[in-house]
Amino acid sequence: MGVAARLSSAIARPGYAQAGVDLIAAEARVAKATVYSHFGDKENLLREAVSASADQALADNLAAVDRLTDCGTDLRATLEDVGLRLLQCYGDDRSWALRRLLSAEINQFPDLLDIHTRAVDRVTETLADRLARLTVAGRLHTPDPVLAAEQFFALLCGPMDKRARLGTRHVADTERRALSRAAVHTFLQAFASAPE
C-alpha cells in the first residue's frame, strides 16, 4: 500500500475532523513534517488522499471490466466473473472507507465528489464500451450501452449495499458469487440477444 493510500485510510477511519496530522503521519509511517512539506495543509492532504484512493479503485475496476474483452463462448460465465470482481472492488475495506469519507465530508468539500465521479464515470464508460462491442458481435442487445452498464452496476451494488450494511458487515465470496449470478441472470433477461 502506497503512502497516499495509507494517508487515505488514516483519514477515513476516524473521519476528517477527528484525524489529526500526528495520527495521519503515524498511520502513513512518515514524519509529521513530511505530511506538511508534501501536502501543505490537511485540506490538500484530504484531496490528495481521496484522489489516490479513487485512482486505485479505478485501476482495480478497469482490470475487472477488461476481462470482458475476450468472453470466449460462455458469456454468462464471463459476466459472472466480472460481476464478482467488481463486487470485490466495491466491497473492499478501502472502497467502503472512501465512500464513508465522501459521505461525511461532501458538504464541506463538494469538489471531492468530482474526483470520485470521474473514476466512476470512466469505469461505466469502459463497461459500456465492452457491452457495445458485445452488441456489435451479436451477443447482447444494448440499444443504450451506457444505461445498460449503469443497470449492471445497480444490479450488483444495490444488494451488496444492503448485505454489507455500509461496510460494517463482511460479505463472504460465496455470497458475492450468488449476488453476481443473480445480477447477471437479470441483466441477461433484459439484454441477451437471444433467450438465455
Protein backbone atom coordinates (compact mmCIF):
# COMPACT_ATOMS: atom_id res chain seq x y z
CA MET A 1 0.00 0.00 0.00
CA GLY A 2 1.46 3.37 -1.02
CA VAL A 3 1.80 6.41 1.20
CA ALA A 4 -1.25 8.11 -0.32
CA ALA A 5 -3.40 5.02 0.27
CA ARG A 6 -2.19 4.82 3.88
CA LEU A 7 -2.97 8.53 4.29
CA SER A 8 -6.47 7.95 2.94
CA SER A 9 -7.02 5.12 5.42
CA ALA A 10 -5.68 7.27 8.25
CA ILE A 11 -8.21 9.98 7.42
CA ALA A 12 -11.14 7.71 6.60
CA ARG A 13 -11.03 5.52 9.69
CA PRO A 14 -11.62 8.22 12.33
CA GLY A 15 -13.05 10.77 9.90
CA TYR A 16 -11.56 14.01 8.63
CA ALA A 17 -12.42 16.15 11.64
CA GLN A 18 -11.04 13.65 14.15
CA ALA A 19 -7.90 12.73 12.20
CA GLY A 20 -5.08 14.92 13.46
CA VAL A 21 -1.93 15.28 11.41
CA ASP A 22 0.02 13.37 14.10
CA LEU A 23 -2.31 10.38 13.70
CA ILE A 24 -2.25 10.64 9.91
CA ALA A 25 1.57 10.75 9.84
CA ALA A 26 1.85 7.80 12.23
CA GLU A 27 -0.60 5.72 10.18
CA ALA A 28 1.22 6.54 6.94
CA ARG A 29 4.55 5.81 8.64
CA VAL A 30 6.01 9.19 7.73
CA ALA A 31 7.14 12.18 9.77
CA LYS A 32 4.62 14.93 10.52
CA ALA A 33 6.95 17.37 8.73
CA THR A 34 6.77 15.16 5.63
CA VAL A 35 2.99 15.45 5.58
CA TYR A 36 3.17 19.25 5.74
CA SER A 37 6.04 19.54 3.22
CA HIS A 38 4.27 17.34 0.65
CA PHE A 39 0.70 18.46 1.13
CA GLY A 40 0.81 21.88 2.78
CA ASP A 41 -2.28 21.53 4.89
CA LYS A 42 -4.87 18.99 5.99
CA GLU A 43 -7.43 20.02 3.32
CA ASN A 44 -4.97 19.44 0.49
CA LEU A 45 -3.96 16.17 2.11
CA LEU A 46 -7.62 15.11 2.11
CA ARG A 47 -7.97 15.89 -1.59
CA GLU A 48 -4.76 14.04 -2.47
CA ALA A 49 -5.74 11.05 -0.36
CA VAL A 50 -9.19 10.84 -1.97
CA SER A 51 -7.62 11.21 -5.40
CA ALA A 52 -5.13 8.41 -4.70
CA SER A 53 -7.90 6.14 -3.41
CA ALA A 54 -10.08 6.91 -6.43
CA ASP A 55 -7.16 6.19 -8.77
CA GLN A 56 -6.51 2.82 -7.12
CA ALA A 57 -10.21 1.90 -7.21
CA LEU A 58 -10.32 2.95 -10.87
CA ALA A 59 -7.38 0.70 -11.76
CA ASP A 60 -8.89 -2.26 -9.89
CA ASN A 61 -12.31 -1.82 -11.51
CA LEU A 62 -10.87 -1.34 -15.01
CA ALA A 63 -8.89 -4.55 -14.60
CA ALA A 64 -12.14 -6.34 -13.72
CA VAL A 65 -14.06 -4.88 -16.68
CA ASP A 66 -11.18 -5.64 -19.04
CA ARG A 67 -11.97 -9.34 -18.65
CA LEU A 68 -14.94 -8.69 -20.98
CA THR A 69 -12.50 -8.16 -23.85
CA ASP A 70 -12.36 -11.88 -24.51
CA CYS A 71 -15.57 -13.65 -23.49
CA GLY A 72 -14.92 -16.93 -25.25
CA THR A 73 -18.06 -18.97 -25.75
CA ASP A 74 -19.59 -18.59 -22.29
CA LEU A 75 -20.79 -15.00 -21.97
CA ARG A 76 -22.76 -15.75 -18.79
CA ALA A 77 -19.69 -17.18 -17.01
CA THR A 78 -17.55 -14.24 -18.08
CA LEU A 79 -20.15 -11.72 -16.91
CA GLU A 80 -20.44 -13.56 -13.59
CA ASP A 81 -16.66 -13.44 -13.18
CA VAL A 82 -16.59 -9.72 -13.99
CA GLY A 83 -19.51 -9.13 -11.62
CA LEU A 84 -17.72 -10.96 -8.81
CA ARG A 85 -14.53 -8.98 -9.38
CA LEU A 86 -16.47 -5.70 -9.41
CA LEU A 87 -18.16 -6.70 -6.16
CA GLN A 88 -14.77 -7.48 -4.65
CA CYS A 89 -13.58 -4.00 -5.64
CA TYR A 90 -16.77 -2.33 -4.43
CA GLY A 91 -16.80 -4.23 -1.15
CA ASP A 92 -13.17 -3.98 -0.09
CA ASP A 93 -12.32 -2.01 3.04
CA ARG A 94 -10.64 0.83 1.13
CA SER A 95 -13.69 1.38 -1.07
CA TRP A 96 -16.06 1.45 1.89
CA ALA A 97 -13.75 3.83 3.75
CA LEU A 98 -13.62 6.14 0.73
CA ARG A 99 -17.40 6.18 0.29
CA ARG A 100 -17.97 6.82 4.01
CA LEU A 101 -15.41 9.64 3.95
CA LEU A 102 -17.06 11.19 0.90
CA SER A 103 -20.49 10.97 2.51
CA ALA A 104 -19.23 12.60 5.69
CA GLU A 105 -17.27 15.42 4.04
CA ILE A 106 -19.17 16.17 0.84
CA ASN A 107 -20.93 19.24 2.24
CA GLN A 108 -17.68 20.81 3.41
CA PHE A 109 -15.65 19.69 0.36
CA PRO A 110 -18.04 19.29 -2.61
CA ASP A 111 -15.11 19.06 -5.05
CA LEU A 112 -14.30 15.61 -3.63
CA LEU A 113 -17.37 14.27 -5.40
CA ASP A 114 -15.85 15.36 -8.74
CA ILE A 115 -12.73 13.29 -8.02
CA HIS A 116 -14.83 10.23 -7.20
CA THR A 117 -17.30 10.76 -10.06
CA ARG A 118 -14.52 10.93 -12.66
CA ALA A 119 -13.36 7.46 -11.63
CA VAL A 120 -16.90 6.04 -11.56
CA ASP A 121 -17.70 7.57 -14.96
CA ARG A 122 -14.56 6.10 -16.51
CA VAL A 123 -15.42 2.60 -15.29
CA THR A 124 -19.00 3.00 -16.55
CA GLU A 125 -17.79 4.21 -19.95
CA THR A 126 -15.35 1.31 -20.22
CA LEU A 127 -18.03 -1.22 -19.32
CA ALA A 128 -20.41 0.46 -21.79
CA ASP A 129 -17.74 0.13 -24.49
CA ARG A 130 -17.39 -3.61 -23.79
CA LEU A 131 -21.16 -4.08 -23.84
CA ALA A 132 -21.40 -2.16 -27.13
CA ARG A 133 -18.75 -4.44 -28.64
CA LEU A 134 -20.71 -7.48 -27.48
CA THR A 135 -23.81 -5.96 -29.09
CA VAL A 136 -21.98 -5.44 -32.39
CA ALA A 137 -20.81 -9.06 -32.18
CA GLY A 138 -24.46 -10.14 -31.79
CA ARG A 139 -24.02 -11.47 -28.24
CA LEU A 140 -26.04 -8.75 -26.49
CA HIS A 141 -28.75 -6.29 -27.42
CA THR A 142 -27.97 -2.99 -25.67
CA PRO A 143 -29.56 -0.06 -27.54
CA ASP A 144 -28.03 2.27 -24.89
CA PRO A 145 -24.79 0.68 -23.64
CA VAL A 146 -24.19 3.39 -21.00
CA LEU A 147 -27.62 2.78 -19.49
CA ALA A 148 -27.01 -0.98 -19.64
CA ALA A 149 -23.67 -0.51 -17.84
CA GLU A 150 -25.33 1.63 -15.15
CA GLN A 151 -28.02 -1.00 -14.70
CA PHE A 152 -25.43 -3.79 -14.43
CA PHE A 153 -23.68 -1.87 -11.65
CA ALA A 154 -27.01 -1.22 -9.91
CA LEU A 155 -27.89 -4.92 -10.02
CA LEU A 156 -24.56 -5.69 -8.35
CA CYS A 157 -24.17 -2.83 -5.90
CA GLY A 158 -27.73 -2.44 -4.62
CA PRO A 159 -27.87 -5.88 -2.99
CA MET A 160 -24.23 -5.54 -1.85
CA ASP A 161 -25.01 -2.29 -0.03
CA LYS A 162 -27.85 -3.95 1.83
CA ARG A 163 -25.85 -7.03 2.81
CA ALA A 164 -22.66 -5.18 3.75
CA ARG A 165 -24.50 -2.55 5.80
CA LEU A 166 -22.25 0.29 4.62
CA GLY A 167 -19.18 -1.87 5.04
CA THR A 168 -19.84 -2.84 8.65
CA ARG A 169 -20.58 -6.49 7.78
CA HIS A 170 -18.22 -8.82 5.94
CA VAL A 171 -19.77 -10.38 2.85
CA ALA A 172 -18.16 -13.72 2.02
CA ASP A 173 -17.09 -14.56 -1.52
CA THR A 174 -19.76 -17.28 -1.71
CA GLU A 175 -22.41 -14.63 -1.08
CA ARG A 176 -20.76 -12.28 -3.59
CA ARG A 177 -20.78 -15.06 -6.19
CA ALA A 178 -24.51 -15.57 -5.60
CA LEU A 179 -25.09 -11.81 -5.97
CA SER A 180 -23.13 -11.79 -9.21
CA ARG A 181 -25.05 -14.80 -10.59
CA ALA A 182 -28.38 -13.16 -9.75
CA ALA A 183 -27.32 -9.83 -11.26
CA VAL A 184 -26.10 -11.47 -14.46
CA HIS A 185 -29.27 -13.55 -14.73
CA THR A 186 -31.44 -10.43 -14.54
CA PHE A 187 -29.10 -8.49 -16.83
CA LEU A 188 -29.22 -11.19 -19.50
CA GLN A 189 -33.01 -11.42 -19.24
CA ALA A 190 -33.05 -7.79 -20.36
CA PHE A 191 -30.08 -7.61 -22.72
CA ALA A 192 -29.28 -11.04 -24.16
CA SER A 193 -29.55 -11.06 -27.95
CA ALA A 194 -31.24 -14.46 -27.74
CA PRO A 195 -33.06 -16.08 -24.81
CA GLU A 196 -30.61 -17.49 -22.27
